[in-house]
Protein backbone atom coordinates (compact mmCIF):
# COMPACT_ATOMS: atom_id res chain seq x y z
CA UNK A 1 -2.20 -8.25 -19.32
CA UNK A 2 -5.13 -9.32 -17.16
CA UNK A 3 -4.41 -7.27 -14.03
CA UNK A 4 -7.91 -7.89 -12.69
CA UNK A 5 -7.33 -11.65 -12.50
CA UNK A 6 -4.10 -11.02 -10.58
CA UNK A 7 -5.95 -8.66 -8.22
CA UNK A 8 -8.71 -11.21 -7.61
CA UNK A 9 -6.11 -13.90 -6.90
CA UNK A 10 -4.34 -11.62 -4.39
CA UNK A 11 -7.66 -10.88 -2.66
CA UNK A 12 -8.23 -14.62 -2.35
CA UNK A 13 -4.66 -15.52 -1.37
CA UNK A 14 -4.46 -12.90 1.37
CA UNK A 15 -8.06 -13.35 2.59
CA UNK A 16 -9.01 -9.71 1.94
CA UNK A 17 -12.53 -8.34 2.11
CA UNK A 18 -13.23 -5.49 -0.29
CA UNK A 19 -15.73 -2.94 1.04
CA UNK A 20 -16.87 -0.89 -1.94
CA UNK A 21 -19.37 1.49 -0.34
CA UNK A 22 -17.62 2.12 2.94
CA UNK A 23 -18.58 5.20 4.93
CA UNK A 24 -15.11 5.57 6.43
CA UNK A 25 -12.55 7.88 4.85
CA UNK A 26 -12.76 9.25 1.32
CA UNK A 27 -10.04 7.25 -0.40
CA UNK A 28 -8.81 3.68 -0.70
CA UNK A 29 -7.39 2.40 2.56
CA UNK A 30 -6.70 -0.77 4.51
CA UNK A 31 -7.92 -1.65 7.98
CA UNK A 32 -5.10 -3.09 10.06
CA UNK A 33 -7.36 -4.01 12.97
CA UNK A 34 -7.45 -7.70 12.14
CA UNK A 35 -10.47 -7.50 9.83
CA UNK A 36 -8.32 -7.64 6.66
CA UNK A 37 -10.54 -5.11 4.88
CA UNK A 38 -9.68 -2.77 2.02
CA UNK A 39 -12.24 -0.02 1.55
CA UNK A 40 -13.10 2.01 -1.53
CA UNK A 41 -10.80 0.15 -3.93
CA UNK A 42 -12.13 0.51 -7.45
CA UNK A 43 -11.94 -2.77 -9.31
CA UNK A 44 -10.36 -2.16 -12.72
CA UNK A 45 -8.22 -4.11 -15.16
CA UNK A 46 -5.31 -1.68 -14.88
CA UNK A 47 -1.81 -1.48 -13.47
CA UNK A 48 -2.61 1.50 -11.19
CA UNK A 49 -5.57 -0.35 -9.68
CA UNK A 50 -3.48 -3.46 -9.03
CA UNK A 51 -0.60 -1.42 -7.57
CA UNK A 52 -2.99 0.37 -5.20
CA UNK A 53 -4.60 -2.89 -4.08
CA UNK A 54 -1.22 -4.50 -3.44
CA UNK A 55 -0.10 -1.41 -1.52
CA UNK A 56 -3.14 -1.67 0.76
CA UNK A 57 -2.59 -5.41 1.24
CA UNK A 58 1.02 -4.48 2.04
CA UNK A 59 -0.25 -2.32 4.91
CA UNK A 60 -2.11 -5.31 6.31
CA UNK A 61 0.81 -7.71 5.85
CA UNK A 62 3.54 -5.46 7.29
CA UNK A 63 1.65 -3.62 10.04
CA UNK A 64 3.34 -3.10 13.40
CA UNK A 65 1.65 -0.79 15.89
CA UNK A 66 4.93 0.95 16.76
CA UNK A 67 5.59 2.16 13.20
CA UNK A 68 5.35 5.82 12.22
CA UNK A 69 3.24 6.76 9.20
CA UNK A 70 6.21 7.18 6.86
CA UNK A 71 7.49 3.75 7.94
CA UNK A 72 4.06 2.23 7.29
CA UNK A 73 3.96 3.73 3.80
CA UNK A 74 7.51 2.67 3.03
CA UNK A 75 7.00 -0.92 4.21
CA UNK A 76 3.72 -1.27 2.28
CA UNK A 77 5.37 0.05 -0.88
CA UNK A 78 8.40 -2.21 -0.53
CA UNK A 79 6.04 -5.16 -0.01
CA UNK A 80 4.16 -4.18 -3.17
CA UNK A 81 7.32 -4.01 -5.24
CA UNK A 82 8.51 -7.39 -3.96
CA UNK A 83 5.12 -8.92 -4.74
CA UNK A 84 5.12 -7.47 -8.28
CA UNK A 85 8.58 -8.96 -8.83
CA UNK A 86 7.41 -12.36 -7.51
CA UNK A 87 4.50 -12.21 -9.95
CA UNK A 88 6.82 -11.35 -12.82
CA UNK A 89 5.09 -8.02 -13.39
CA UNK A 90 6.82 -4.75 -14.28
CA UNK A 91 7.82 -2.19 -11.68
CA UNK A 92 6.68 1.05 -13.31
CA UNK A 93 8.75 4.02 -12.27
CA UNK A 94 5.81 6.41 -12.51
CA UNK A 95 4.08 4.67 -9.60
CA UNK A 96 7.14 4.03 -7.44
CA UNK A 97 8.12 7.71 -7.78
CA UNK A 98 4.62 8.76 -6.74
CA UNK A 99 4.87 6.67 -3.59
CA UNK A 100 8.43 7.84 -2.86
CA UNK A 101 7.16 11.43 -2.89
CA UNK A 102 4.26 10.50 -0.64
CA UNK A 103 6.58 8.74 1.82
CA UNK A 104 8.91 11.75 1.90
CA UNK A 105 5.93 14.05 2.53
CA UNK A 106 4.65 11.89 5.41
CA UNK A 107 8.17 11.86 6.89
CA UNK A 108 8.47 15.65 6.64
CA UNK A 109 4.99 16.09 8.10
CA UNK A 110 6.02 13.87 11.02
CA UNK A 111 9.11 15.99 11.63
CA UNK A 112 7.00 19.16 11.51
CA UNK A 113 4.61 17.64 14.05
CA UNK A 114 7.41 16.82 16.47
CA UNK A 115 8.72 13.43 15.41
CA UNK A 116 11.41 12.91 18.03
CA UNK A 117 13.96 10.91 16.12
CA UNK A 118 15.30 10.89 12.63
CA UNK A 119 14.04 7.75 10.96
CA UNK A 120 15.81 5.78 8.31
CA UNK A 121 13.20 5.19 5.69
CA UNK A 122 14.41 3.52 2.57
CA UNK A 123 12.58 2.45 -0.48
CA UNK A 124 14.46 -0.38 -2.10
CA UNK A 125 13.71 -0.57 -5.79
C-alpha cells in the first residue's frame, strides 16, 4: 500500500501546510488558529504516519473553541476513522486502542484538574 501517496493527497485536499522544522512543541501537532499547519509530522510510507497525519487534520477539521481536550482528541480520532473508511483503508485496532487510552487519560486529567461536568466522550469504531 502506498500510504505516502494517500498522505500527500490529504495534504493537498485539506490545504495543509507541513512545517518540518518547527520550533514549537516537541511532537507532531496541528495549529487550529486558521493557518492549517501540521508541525513535526515525519513523512513516511507507513500506516502509523498516515494515521497520525489524519488525526492532526482531524483536529483542524473538527475544532470548536468550546471543546475540552478529551473532546478534541475524541473528535479528531473519530474523524480519522471515518476518513480511513471513506478511503477504503483498514482500521487497525492497535492504533485506535492507543488513541482510546490517550483520550481516557486526557479525560481523567481534566477531572483531576477540576473539570466541572462529566462529559460524554465516545469513540465510535
